[in-house]
Amino acid sequence: MQDQCGRTISYLRISVTDRCNYRCRYCMPAEGVEKHAHSEVCSFEELRNMAAAAVRCGVKKIRVTGGEPLVRRGIVDFCRLLKRIDGVEELCLTTNGSLLPELAAPLKAAGVDRLNISLDTLRPERFAEITRCGTLDEALRGIETAEAAGFEQLKLNCVLLGGVNEDEIVDFVALTREKPWQVRFIERMPMGVCTTYGAYLPARTVPERCPALEPIGSEGVASLYRLPEGKGTVGLITPMSHEFCGECSRIRITADGRLKPCLHSDAELPLRGLSGTALEDAIRRGILEKPAQHHLCAEGVTETHRAMNEIGG
């Protein structure tokens, strides 16, 4: 289905929880955030039905997000339900990797095709500082376990944090020399209560620091680069310095069952309680209401009232 700007909407990001076992400084305060009551969070059956309706409206790719999706009990069975929806061509999941040692193989068996793993530093002390309650070792073990389970072409998401991890850009790029991974540098979006951690750093800093990188095209919203003879790639995602809204193909469903046409828009359509034609009509209406572009600025002015952990990025 196309929206009012002529963009084909084929990608759904569906959040299963607002909870996370980390407290990353650019995302959540140390004490965490106010969590949804259990009754406010959709059941997996409800979320599956919403996803199926979105597929009937033209969605072909689904990404499961959180918070941290792997903290929700039954996540493997939910992924299996999504994969069985007729019309789903790709099922992905974004995680901090900490629970992959136990869940990578079951997720692969359930039909998850690809994993994105958040990794903002390669230094143990800095990892503990950024996440407040995680360890680099558990994240690296998660990556290793994912590869052993058969997940190929892993994507590692690194948020660019000026004055925090910018001195590791070269180290992250070097990973792609020997590994068939895509290291994705993402410009920090200053949303919510944590807008002061890390200075804004434009993604163009990456090829400036690593002039050997060669542009090789794009994939979705990521501009791709490769080191000469590198096995992997480097992706630059630029929500701040370059509005890629003209190519956006995604919609989002929150864990409490509301359709968000745009990450930074306050527009939300309630889906919970709807079924059949009424549910599909609501999703189509949300697609048609998708704005031409977001209005996030470097100062962190965003129209959405939700924190990132509630939306799923």
C-alpha atoms as a PDB file:
ATOM      1  CA  MET A   1       0.000   0.000   0.000  1.00  0.00           C
ATOM      2  CA  GLN A   2       1.170   3.529  -0.721  1.00  0.00           C
ATOM      3  CA  ASP A   3       0.844   6.511   1.583  1.00  0.00           C
ATOM      4  CA  GLN A   4      -0.208  10.008   0.516  1.00  0.00           C
ATOM      5  CA  CYS A   5       3.396  10.780  -0.534  1.00  0.00           C
ATOM      6  CA  GLY A   6       3.590   7.802  -2.871  1.00  0.00           C
ATOM      7  CA  ARG A   7       5.855   5.767  -0.574  1.00  0.00           C
ATOM      8  CA  THR A   8       5.215   2.039  -0.530  1.00  0.00           C
ATOM      9  CA  ILE A   9       4.788   0.917   3.080  1.00  0.00           C
ATOM     10  CA  SER A  10       6.162  -2.595   3.440  1.00  0.00           C
ATOM     11  CA  TYR A  11       7.983  -2.633   6.792  1.00  0.00           C
ATOM     12  CA  LEU A  12       6.476  -3.016  10.265  1.00  0.00           C
ATOM     13  CA  ARG A  13       8.373  -2.562  13.511  1.00  0.00           C
ATOM     14  CA  ILE A  14       6.411  -4.102  16.352  1.00  0.00           C
ATOM     15  CA  SER A  15       7.352  -3.541  19.994  1.00  0.00           C
ATOM     16  CA  VAL A  16       6.564  -6.318  22.460  1.00  0.00           C
ATOM     17  CA  THR A  17       7.629  -4.545  25.657  1.00  0.00           C
ATOM     18  CA  ASP A  18       8.798  -1.225  27.046  1.00  0.00           C
ATOM     19  CA  ARG A  19      11.088  -3.022  29.500  1.00  0.00           C
ATOM     20  CA  CYS A  20      14.827  -3.516  29.214  1.00  0.00           C
ATOM     21  CA  ASN A  21      17.553  -5.154  31.296  1.00  0.00           C
ATOM     22  CA  TYR A  22      19.923  -2.256  30.496  1.00  0.00           C
ATOM     23  CA  ARG A  23      19.692   1.423  31.400  1.00  0.00           C
ATOM     24  CA  CYS A  24      21.649   2.992  28.545  1.00  0.00           C
ATOM     25  CA  ARG A  25      22.429   6.595  29.405  1.00  0.00           C
ATOM     26  CA  TYR A  26      21.211   8.022  26.087  1.00  0.00           C
ATOM     27  CA  CYS A  27      17.926   6.128  26.365  1.00  0.00           C
ATOM     28  CA  MET A  28      16.779   5.762  29.988  1.00  0.00           C
ATOM     29  CA  PRO A  29      17.426   7.362  33.373  1.00  0.00           C
ATOM     30  CA  ALA A  30      19.245   5.313  36.009  1.00  0.00           C
ATOM     31  CA  GLU A  31      16.027   4.473  37.850  1.00  0.00           C
ATOM     32  CA  GLY A  32      14.378   3.329  34.630  1.00  0.00           C
ATOM     33  CA  VAL A  33      11.108   4.690  33.321  1.00  0.00           C
ATOM     34  CA  GLU A  34       7.510   4.253  34.360  1.00  0.00           C
ATOM     35  CA  LYS A  35       6.465   0.916  32.949  1.00  0.00           C
ATOM     36  CA  HIS A  36       3.145  -0.021  31.447  1.00  0.00           C
ATOM     37  CA  ALA A  37       0.898  -2.049  33.701  1.00  0.00           C
ATOM     38  CA  HIS A  38       0.572  -5.673  32.630  1.00  0.00           C
ATOM     39  CA  SER A  39      -3.018  -5.077  31.548  1.00  0.00           C
ATOM     40  CA  GLU A  40      -1.912  -2.249  29.244  1.00  0.00           C
ATOM     41  CA  VAL A  41       0.441  -4.455  27.239  1.00  0.00           C
ATOM     42  CA  CYS A  42      -1.046  -6.420  24.364  1.00  0.00           C
ATOM     43  CA  SER A  43      -1.011 -10.176  24.428  1.00  0.00           C
ATOM     44  CA  PHE A  44       1.042 -11.935  21.798  1.00  0.00           C
ATOM     45  CA  GLU A  45      -2.188 -13.050  20.128  1.00  0.00           C
ATOM     46  CA  GLU A  46      -3.319  -9.421  19.854  1.00  0.00           C
ATOM     47  CA  LEU A  47       0.031  -8.305  18.450  1.00  0.00           C
ATOM     48  CA  ARG A  48       0.070 -11.215  16.020  1.00  0.00           C
ATOM     49  CA  ASN A  49      -3.372 -10.278  14.719  1.00  0.00           C
ATOM     50  CA  MET A  50      -2.282  -6.661  14.261  1.00  0.00           C
ATOM     51  CA  ALA A  51       0.799  -7.823  12.376  1.00  0.00           C
ATOM     52  CA  ALA A  52      -1.287 -10.115  10.161  1.00  0.00           C
ATOM     53  CA  ALA A  53      -3.622  -7.226   9.320  1.00  0.00           C
ATOM     54  CA  ALA A  54      -0.609  -5.059   8.440  1.00  0.00           C
ATOM     55  CA  VAL A  55       0.640  -7.804   6.132  1.00  0.00           C
ATOM     56  CA  ARG A  56      -2.731  -7.854   4.407  1.00  0.00           C
ATOM     57  CA  CYS A  57      -2.212  -4.113   3.876  1.00  0.00           C
ATOM     58  CA  GLY A  58       1.111  -4.704   2.129  1.00  0.00           C
ATOM     59  CA  VAL A  59       3.725  -5.234   4.839  1.00  0.00           C
ATOM     60  CA  LYS A  60       6.358  -7.819   3.891  1.00  0.00           C
ATOM     61  CA  LYS A  61       9.062  -7.294   6.506  1.00  0.00           C
ATOM     62  CA  ILE A  62       8.541  -7.370  10.276  1.00  0.00           C
ATOM     63  CA  ARG A  63      11.061  -6.380  12.942  1.00  0.00           C
ATOM     64  CA  VAL A  64      10.456  -7.291  16.591  1.00  0.00           C
ATOM     65  CA  THR A  65      11.691  -4.655  19.037  1.00  0.00           C
ATOM     66  CA  GLY A  66      11.292  -3.484  22.620  1.00  0.00           C
ATOM     67  CA  GLY A  67      12.614  -2.088  25.014  1.00  0.00           C
ATOM     68  CA  GLU A  68      14.567  -5.320  24.947  1.00  0.00           C
ATOM     69  CA  PRO A  69      12.308  -7.895  23.249  1.00  0.00           C
ATOM     70  CA  LEU A  70      14.092 -10.926  24.680  1.00  0.00           C
ATOM     71  CA  VAL A  71      13.085 -10.075  28.241  1.00  0.00           C
ATOM     72  CA  ARG A  72       9.459 -10.875  27.442  1.00  0.00           C
ATOM     73  CA  ARG A  73       8.539 -14.434  28.266  1.00  0.00           C
ATOM     74  CA  GLY A  74       7.337 -16.409  25.263  1.00  0.00           C
ATOM     75  CA  ILE A  75       9.191 -14.305  22.692  1.00  0.00           C
ATOM     76  CA  VAL A  76      10.359 -17.363  20.738  1.00  0.00           C
ATOM     77  CA  ASP A  77       6.817 -18.649  20.315  1.00  0.00           C
ATOM     78  CA  PHE A  78       5.697 -15.165  19.252  1.00  0.00           C
ATOM     79  CA  CYS A  79       8.365 -15.048  16.559  1.00  0.00           C
ATOM     80  CA  ARG A  80       7.177 -18.434  15.342  1.00  0.00           C
ATOM     81  CA  LEU A  81       3.627 -17.070  15.077  1.00  0.00           C
ATOM     82  CA  LEU A  82       4.824 -14.074  13.053  1.00  0.00           C
ATOM     83  CA  LYS A  83       6.855 -16.220  10.678  1.00  0.00           C
ATOM     84  CA  ARG A  84       3.788 -18.334   9.917  1.00  0.00           C
ATOM     85  CA  ILE A  85       1.803 -15.326   8.683  1.00  0.00           C
ATOM     86  CA  ASP A  86       1.264 -15.772   4.961  1.00  0.00           C
ATOM     87  CA  GLY A  87       3.071 -12.960   3.165  1.00  0.00           C
ATOM     88  CA  VAL A  88       5.886 -12.337   5.645  1.00  0.00           C
ATOM     89  CA  GLU A  89       9.084 -12.418   3.602  1.00  0.00           C
ATOM     90  CA  GLU A  90      11.548 -11.383   6.295  1.00  0.00           C
ATOM     91  CA  LEU A  91      11.409 -11.541  10.092  1.00  0.00           C
ATOM     92  CA  CYS A  92      14.055  -9.610  12.025  1.00  0.00           C
ATOM     93  CA  LEU A  93      14.732  -8.780  15.649  1.00  0.00           C
ATOM     94  CA  THR A  94      16.742  -6.057  17.374  1.00  0.00           C
ATOM     95  CA  THR A  95      18.385  -6.891  20.707  1.00  0.00           C
ATOM     96  CA  ASN A  96      21.171  -5.828  23.020  1.00  0.00           C
ATOM     97  CA  GLY A  97      22.482  -9.388  22.726  1.00  0.00           C
ATOM     98  CA  SER A  98      22.716 -10.158  26.416  1.00  0.00           C
ATOM     99  CA  LEU A  99      20.169 -13.001  26.296  1.00  0.00           C
ATOM    100  CA  LEU A 100      21.257 -14.489  22.982  1.00  0.00           C
ATOM    101  CA  PRO A 101      23.434 -17.206  24.558  1.00  0.00           C
ATOM    102  CA  GLU A 102      20.204 -18.876  25.671  1.00  0.00           C
ATOM    103  CA  LEU A 103      17.885 -17.754  22.887  1.00  0.00           C
ATOM    104  CA  ALA A 104      19.823 -17.461  19.612  1.00  0.00           C
ATOM    105  CA  ALA A 105      19.322 -21.079  18.534  1.00  0.00           C
ATOM    106  CA  PRO A 106      15.601 -21.165  19.486  1.00  0.00           C
ATOM    107  CA  LEU A 107      15.026 -17.874  17.644  1.00  0.00           C
ATOM    108  CA  LYS A 108      16.691 -19.248  14.536  1.00  0.00           C
ATOM    109  CA  ALA A 109      14.582 -22.403  14.735  1.00  0.00           C
ATOM    110  CA  ALA A 110      11.454 -20.239  15.144  1.00  0.00           C
ATOM    111  CA  GLY A 111      12.134 -18.552  11.814  1.00  0.00           C
ATOM    112  CA  VAL A 112      13.904 -15.296  12.673  1.00  0.00           C
ATOM    113  CA  ASP A 113      15.941 -14.407   9.584  1.00  0.00           C
ATOM    114  CA  ARG A 114      18.179 -11.579  10.790  1.00  0.00           C
ATOM    115  CA  LEU A 115      19.438 -10.005  13.983  1.00  0.00           C
ATOM    116  CA  ASN A 116      20.502  -6.455  14.760  1.00  0.00           C
ATOM    117  CA  ILE A 117      22.602  -6.274  17.904  1.00  0.00           C
ATOM    118  CA  SER A 118      23.231  -2.997  19.711  1.00  0.00           C
ATOM    119  CA  LEU A 119      26.893  -2.435  20.584  1.00  0.00           C
ATOM    120  CA  ASP A 120      28.078   1.098  21.370  1.00  0.00           C
ATOM    121  CA  THR A 121      31.598   0.347  22.575  1.00  0.00           C
ATOM    122  CA  LEU A 122      34.278  -2.336  22.460  1.00  0.00           C
ATOM    123  CA  ARG A 123      35.748  -1.358  25.834  1.00  0.00           C
ATOM    124  CA  PRO A 124      34.546  -3.189  28.963  1.00  0.00           C
ATOM    125  CA  GLU A 125      34.662  -0.214  31.347  1.00  0.00           C
ATOM    126  CA  ARG A 126      32.905   2.045  28.872  1.00  0.00           C
ATOM    127  CA  PHE A 127      30.266  -0.600  28.179  1.00  0.00           C
ATOM    128  CA  ALA A 128      29.466  -0.761  31.886  1.00  0.00           C
ATOM    129  CA  GLU A 129      29.289   3.038  32.032  1.00  0.00           C
ATOM    130  CA  ILE A 130      26.950   3.396  29.036  1.00  0.00           C
ATOM    131  CA  THR A 131      24.595   0.532  29.884  1.00  0.00           C
ATOM    132  CA  ARG A 132      24.845   0.935  33.692  1.00  0.00           C
ATOM    133  CA  CYS A 133      24.076  -2.764  34.242  1.00  0.00           C
ATOM    134  CA  GLY A 134      25.561  -4.742  31.358  1.00  0.00           C
ATOM    135  CA  THR A 135      28.914  -6.289  30.533  1.00  0.00           C
ATOM    136  CA  LEU A 136      30.785  -6.343  27.242  1.00  0.00           C
ATOM    137  CA  ASP A 137      31.518 -10.029  27.736  1.00  0.00           C
ATOM    138  CA  GLU A 138      27.833 -10.985  27.703  1.00  0.00           C
ATOM    139  CA  ALA A 139      27.257  -8.921  24.559  1.00  0.00           C
ATOM    140  CA  LEU A 140      30.192 -10.513  22.758  1.00  0.00           C
ATOM    141  CA  ARG A 141      29.060 -13.977  23.818  1.00  0.00           C
ATOM    142  CA  GLY A 142      25.660 -13.129  22.412  1.00  0.00           C
ATOM    143  CA  ILE A 143      27.219 -12.248  19.052  1.00  0.00           C
ATOM    144  CA  GLU A 144      29.266 -15.451  19.031  1.00  0.00           C
ATOM    145  CA  THR A 145      26.219 -17.545  19.900  1.00  0.00           C
ATOM    146  CA  ALA A 146      24.171 -15.889  17.166  1.00  0.00           C
ATOM    147  CA  GLU A 147      26.797 -16.774  14.570  1.00  0.00           C
ATOM    148  CA  ALA A 148      27.005 -20.333  15.869  1.00  0.00           C
ATOM    149  CA  ALA A 149      23.208 -20.600  15.578  1.00  0.00           C
ATOM    150  CA  GLY A 150      23.430 -19.781  11.870  1.00  0.00           C
ATOM    151  CA  PHE A 151      22.623 -16.073  11.782  1.00  0.00           C
ATOM    152  CA  GLU A 152      24.611 -14.605   8.906  1.00  0.00           C
ATOM    153  CA  GLN A 153      25.480 -11.002   8.045  1.00  0.00           C
ATOM    154  CA  LEU A 154      24.819  -9.723  11.543  1.00  0.00           C
ATOM    155  CA  LYS A 155      24.201  -6.003  11.907  1.00  0.00           C
ATOM    156  CA  LEU A 156      25.819  -4.240  14.841  1.00  0.00           C
ATOM    157  CA  ASN A 157      24.152  -0.944  15.766  1.00  0.00           C
ATOM    158  CA  CYS A 158      26.491   1.672  17.221  1.00  0.00           C
ATOM    159  CA  VAL A 159      25.008   5.009  18.306  1.00  0.00           C
ATOM    160  CA  LEU A 160      27.490   7.828  17.670  1.00  0.00           C
ATOM    161  CA  LEU A 161      28.105   9.636  20.956  1.00  0.00           C
ATOM    162  CA  GLY A 162      30.423  12.593  20.685  1.00  0.00           C
ATOM    163  CA  GLY A 163      32.939  12.671  23.516  1.00  0.00           C
ATOM    164  CA  VAL A 164      31.982   9.134  24.534  1.00  0.00           C
ATOM    165  CA  ASN A 165      32.736   6.592  21.809  1.00  0.00           C
ATOM    166  CA  GLU A 166      33.953   8.632  18.842  1.00  0.00           C
ATOM    167  CA  ASP A 167      37.516   7.463  19.548  1.00  0.00           C
ATOM    168  CA  GLU A 168      36.373   3.914  18.679  1.00  0.00           C
ATOM    169  CA  ILE A 169      35.125   4.605  15.162  1.00  0.00           C
ATOM    170  CA  VAL A 170      38.267   3.165  13.585  1.00  0.00           C
ATOM    171  CA  ASP A 171      38.070   0.077  15.821  1.00  0.00           C
ATOM    172  CA  PHE A 172      34.465  -0.584  14.845  1.00  0.00           C
ATOM    173  CA  VAL A 173      35.202  -0.158  11.142  1.00  0.00           C
ATOM    174  CA  ALA A 174      38.124  -2.580  11.489  1.00  0.00           C
ATOM    175  CA  LEU A 175      35.681  -5.315  12.543  1.00  0.00           C
ATOM    176  CA  THR A 176      34.360  -5.411   8.980  1.00  0.00           C
ATOM    177  CA  ARG A 177      37.759  -6.302   7.593  1.00  0.00           C
ATOM    178  CA  GLU A 178      37.571  -9.908   8.797  1.00  0.00           C
ATOM    179  CA  LYS A 179      33.917 -10.340   9.722  1.00  0.00           C
ATOM    180  CA  PRO A 180      30.938 -10.417   7.300  1.00  0.00           C
ATOM    181  CA  TRP A 181      29.071  -8.021   9.550  1.00  0.00           C
ATOM    182  CA  GLN A 182      27.500  -4.672   8.850  1.00  0.00           C
ATOM    183  CA  VAL A 183      28.574  -2.147  11.454  1.00  0.00           C
ATOM    184  CA  ARG A 184      25.894   0.545  11.443  1.00  0.00           C
ATOM    185  CA  PHE A 185      26.717   3.963  12.862  1.00  0.00           C
ATOM    186  CA  ILE A 186      23.536   5.760  13.897  1.00  0.00           C
ATOM    187  CA  GLU A 187      23.306   9.445  14.649  1.00  0.00           C
ATOM    188  CA  ARG A 188      21.988   9.942  18.166  1.00  0.00           C
ATOM    189  CA  MET A 189      18.403  11.153  18.281  1.00  0.00           C
ATOM    190  CA  PRO A 190      18.065  13.334  21.390  1.00  0.00           C
ATOM    191  CA  MET A 191      14.677  12.197  22.622  1.00  0.00           C
ATOM    192  CA  GLY A 192      13.123  12.234  26.033  1.00  0.00           C
ATOM    193  CA  VAL A 193      14.924  12.836  29.319  1.00  0.00           C
ATOM    194  CA  CYS A 194      18.402  11.758  28.233  1.00  0.00           C
ATOM    195  CA  THR A 195      19.256  14.379  25.612  1.00  0.00           C
ATOM    196  CA  THR A 196      22.469  15.548  27.241  1.00  0.00           C
ATOM    197  CA  TYR A 197      24.480  12.302  27.184  1.00  0.00           C
ATOM    198  CA  GLY A 198      26.981  12.408  24.363  1.00  0.00           C
ATOM    199  CA  ALA A 199      27.329  15.273  21.926  1.00  0.00           C
ATOM    200  CA  TYR A 200      25.764  15.103  18.491  1.00  0.00           C
ATOM    201  CA  LEU A 201      28.204  13.596  16.006  1.00  0.00           C
ATOM    202  CA  PRO A 202      27.284  13.569  12.300  1.00  0.00           C
ATOM    203  CA  ALA A 203      27.686  10.251  10.525  1.00  0.00           C
ATOM    204  CA  ARG A 204      29.981  11.827   7.936  1.00  0.00           C
ATOM    205  CA  THR A 205      32.598  11.707  10.698  1.00  0.00           C
ATOM    206  CA  VAL A 206      33.020   7.978   9.999  1.00  0.00           C
ATOM    207  CA  PRO A 207      34.399   8.199   6.418  1.00  0.00           C
ATOM    208  CA  GLU A 208      36.369  11.288   7.477  1.00  0.00           C
ATOM    209  CA  ARG A 209      38.133   9.224  10.147  1.00  0.00           C
ATOM    210  CA  CYS A 210      38.406   6.186   7.845  1.00  0.00           C
ATOM    211  CA  PRO A 211      39.250   7.533   4.372  1.00  0.00           C
ATOM    212  CA  ALA A 212      39.874   4.018   3.043  1.00  0.00           C
ATOM    213  CA  LEU A 213      36.111   3.377   3.118  1.00  0.00           C
ATOM    214  CA  GLU A 214      34.564   3.222  -0.347  1.00  0.00           C
ATOM    215  CA  PRO A 215      30.874   4.016  -0.980  1.00  0.00           C
ATOM    216  CA  ILE A 216      29.009   1.032  -2.427  1.00  0.00           C
ATOM    217  CA  GLY A 217      25.400   2.191  -2.527  1.00  0.00           C
ATOM    218  CA  SER A 218      22.591   1.992  -0.023  1.00  0.00           C
ATOM    219  CA  GLU A 219      20.300  -0.439   1.762  1.00  0.00           C
ATOM    220  CA  GLY A 220      17.054   0.959   3.059  1.00  0.00           C
ATOM    221  CA  VAL A 221      17.930   4.099   5.009  1.00  0.00           C
ATOM    222  CA  ALA A 222      21.609   3.160   5.367  1.00  0.00           C
ATOM    223  CA  SER A 223      24.373   4.482   3.107  1.00  0.00           C
ATOM    224  CA  LEU A 224      26.866   1.651   2.673  1.00  0.00           C
ATOM    225  CA  TYR A 225      30.661   1.653   2.584  1.00  0.00           C
ATOM    226  CA  ARG A 226      33.303  -1.044   2.434  1.00  0.00           C
ATOM    227  CA  LEU A 227      36.988  -1.321   3.217  1.00  0.00           C
ATOM    228  CA  PRO A 228      39.088  -2.608   0.303  1.00  0.00           C
ATOM    229  CA  GLU A 229      38.859  -6.417   0.466  1.00  0.00           C
ATOM    230  CA  GLY A 230      36.743  -6.157   3.607  1.00  0.00           C
ATOM    231  CA  LYS A 231      34.355  -9.038   4.286  1.00  0.00           C
ATOM    232  CA  GLY A 232      31.708  -6.822   5.846  1.00  0.00           C
ATOM    233  CA  THR A 233      30.235  -3.376   5.309  1.00  0.00           C
ATOM    234  CA  VAL A 234      29.760  -0.110   7.165  1.00  0.00           C
ATOM    235  CA  GLY A 235      26.331   1.522   7.237  1.00  0.00           C
ATOM    236  CA  LEU A 236      25.615   5.158   8.046  1.00  0.00           C
ATOM    237  CA  ILE A 237      22.143   6.044   9.305  1.00  0.00           C
ATOM    238  CA  THR A 238      21.534   9.776   9.353  1.00  0.00           C
ATOM    239  CA  PRO A 239      18.203  10.819  10.893  1.00  0.00           C
ATOM    240  CA  MET A 240      19.671  14.149  11.987  1.00  0.00           C
ATOM    241  CA  SER A 241      22.001  15.367   9.229  1.00  0.00           C
ATOM    242  CA  HIS A 242      19.947  13.957   6.369  1.00  0.00           C
ATOM    243  CA  GLU A 243      16.210  13.496   6.482  1.00  0.00           C
ATOM    244  CA  PHE A 244      15.676  10.201   4.669  1.00  0.00           C
ATOM    245  CA  CYS A 245      11.939  10.458   5.178  1.00  0.00           C
ATOM    246  CA  GLY A 246      11.349  10.403   1.435  1.00  0.00           C
ATOM    247  CA  GLU A 247      12.475   6.767   1.356  1.00  0.00           C
ATOM    248  CA  CYS A 248      10.797   5.666   4.591  1.00  0.00           C
ATOM    249  CA  SER A 249       8.726   2.502   4.167  1.00  0.00           C
ATOM    250  CA  ARG A 250       7.911   1.739   7.792  1.00  0.00           C
ATOM    251  CA  ILE A 251       5.154   1.965  10.346  1.00  0.00           C
ATOM    252  CA  ARG A 252       5.288   0.991  14.015  1.00  0.00           C
ATOM    253  CA  ILE A 253       3.009  -0.728  16.495  1.00  0.00           C
ATOM    254  CA  THR A 254       3.680  -0.143  20.180  1.00  0.00           C
ATOM    255  CA  ALA A 255       3.406  -2.761  22.893  1.00  0.00           C
ATOM    256  CA  ASP A 256       0.160  -1.193  24.077  1.00  0.00           C
ATOM    257  CA  GLY A 257      -1.364  -1.577  20.634  1.00  0.00           C
ATOM    258  CA  ARG A 258      -1.123   1.814  18.977  1.00  0.00           C
ATOM    259  CA  LEU A 259      -0.050   2.426  15.402  1.00  0.00           C
ATOM    260  CA  LYS A 260       2.597   5.122  14.957  1.00  0.00           C
ATOM    261  CA  PRO A 261       2.942   6.264  11.340  1.00  0.00           C
ATOM    262  CA  CYS A 262       6.213   8.072  12.206  1.00  0.00           C
ATOM    263  CA  LEU A 263       8.747   7.691  15.003  1.00  0.00           C
ATOM    264  CA  HIS A 264       8.747  11.418  15.776  1.00  0.00           C
ATOM    265  CA  SER A 265       5.077  12.158  15.255  1.00  0.00           C
ATOM    266  CA  ASP A 266       2.625  12.331  18.133  1.00  0.00           C
ATOM    267  CA  ALA A 267      -0.032  10.792  15.889  1.00  0.00           C
ATOM    268  CA  GLU A 268      -1.152   7.388  17.140  1.00  0.00           C
ATOM    269  CA  LEU A 269      -4.105   5.230  16.168  1.00  0.00           C
ATOM    270  CA  PRO A 270      -5.512   2.733  18.685  1.00  0.00           C
ATOM    271  CA  LEU A 271      -5.674  -0.796  17.289  1.00  0.00           C
ATOM    272  CA  ARG A 272      -6.463  -2.763  20.417  1.00  0.00           C
ATOM    273  CA  GLY A 273      -9.957  -4.199  20.413  1.00  0.00           C
ATOM    274  CA  LEU A 274     -10.289  -4.043  16.637  1.00  0.00           C
ATOM    275  CA  SER A 275     -10.502  -7.053  14.369  1.00  0.00           C
ATOM    276  CA  GLY A 276     -11.194  -8.000  10.791  1.00  0.00           C
ATOM    277  CA  THR A 277     -12.024  -5.181   8.393  1.00  0.00           C
ATOM    278  CA  ALA A 278     -12.058  -2.574  11.166  1.00  0.00           C
ATOM    279  CA  LEU A 279      -8.464  -3.424  12.084  1.00  0.00           C
ATOM    280  CA  GLU A 280      -7.282  -3.298   8.476  1.00  0.00           C
ATOM    281  CA  ASP A 281      -9.102  -0.012   7.891  1.00  0.00           C
ATOM    282  CA  ALA A 282      -7.381   1.534  10.928  1.00  0.00           C
ATOM    283  CA  ILE A 283      -3.966   0.452   9.652  1.00  0.00           C
ATOM    284  CA  ARG A 284      -4.712   1.822   6.195  1.00  0.00           C
ATOM    285  CA  ARG A 285      -5.809   5.091   7.761  1.00  0.00           C
ATOM    286  CA  GLY A 286      -2.567   5.250   9.713  1.00  0.00           C
ATOM    287  CA  ILE A 287      -0.540   4.671   6.555  1.00  0.00           C
ATOM    288  CA  LEU A 288      -2.385   7.469   4.787  1.00  0.00           C
ATOM    289  CA  GLU A 289      -1.706   9.769   7.733  1.00  0.00           C
ATOM    290  CA  LYS A 290       2.045   9.155   7.626  1.00  0.00           C
ATOM    291  CA  PRO A 291       3.679  12.619   7.531  1.00  0.00           C
ATOM    292  CA  ALA A 292       5.949  13.695   4.694  1.00  0.00           C
ATOM    293  CA  GLN A 293       8.854  14.118   7.108  1.00  0.00           C
ATOM    294  CA  HIS A 294       9.732  14.187  10.773  1.00  0.00           C
ATOM    295  CA  HIS A 295      10.397  17.413  12.632  1.00  0.00           C
ATOM    296  CA  LEU A 296      13.130  16.316  15.022  1.00  0.00           C
ATOM    297  CA  CYS A 297      15.834  18.938  15.400  1.00  0.00           C
ATOM    298  CA  ALA A 298      19.293  18.818  16.960  1.00  0.00           C
ATOM    299  CA  GLU A 299      17.939  20.284  20.203  1.00  0.00           C
ATOM    300  CA  GLY A 300      15.749  17.234  20.704  1.00  0.00           C
ATOM    301  CA  VAL A 301      12.381  18.768  19.875  1.00  0.00           C
ATOM    302  CA  THR A 302      10.240  15.836  18.848  1.00  0.00           C
ATOM    303  CA  GLU A 303       6.474  15.694  18.542  1.00  0.00           C
ATOM    304  CA  THR A 304       6.135  12.274  20.127  1.00  0.00           C
ATOM    305  CA  HIS A 305       5.431  12.088  23.841  1.00  0.00           C
ATOM    306  CA  ARG A 306       6.950   8.625  24.136  1.00  0.00           C
ATOM    307  CA  ALA A 307      10.483   7.614  25.080  1.00  0.00           C
ATOM    308  CA  MET A 308      12.483   5.469  22.673  1.00  0.00           C
ATOM    309  CA  ASN A 309      12.077   2.342  24.803  1.00  0.00           C
ATOM    310  CA  GLU A 310       8.310   2.565  24.351  1.00  0.00           C
ATOM    311  CA  ILE A 311       8.491   2.833  20.575  1.00  0.00           C
ATOM    312  CA  GLY A 312      11.268   0.456  19.609  1.00  0.00           C
ATOM    313  CA  GLY A 313      13.386   2.920  17.616  1.00  0.00           C
END
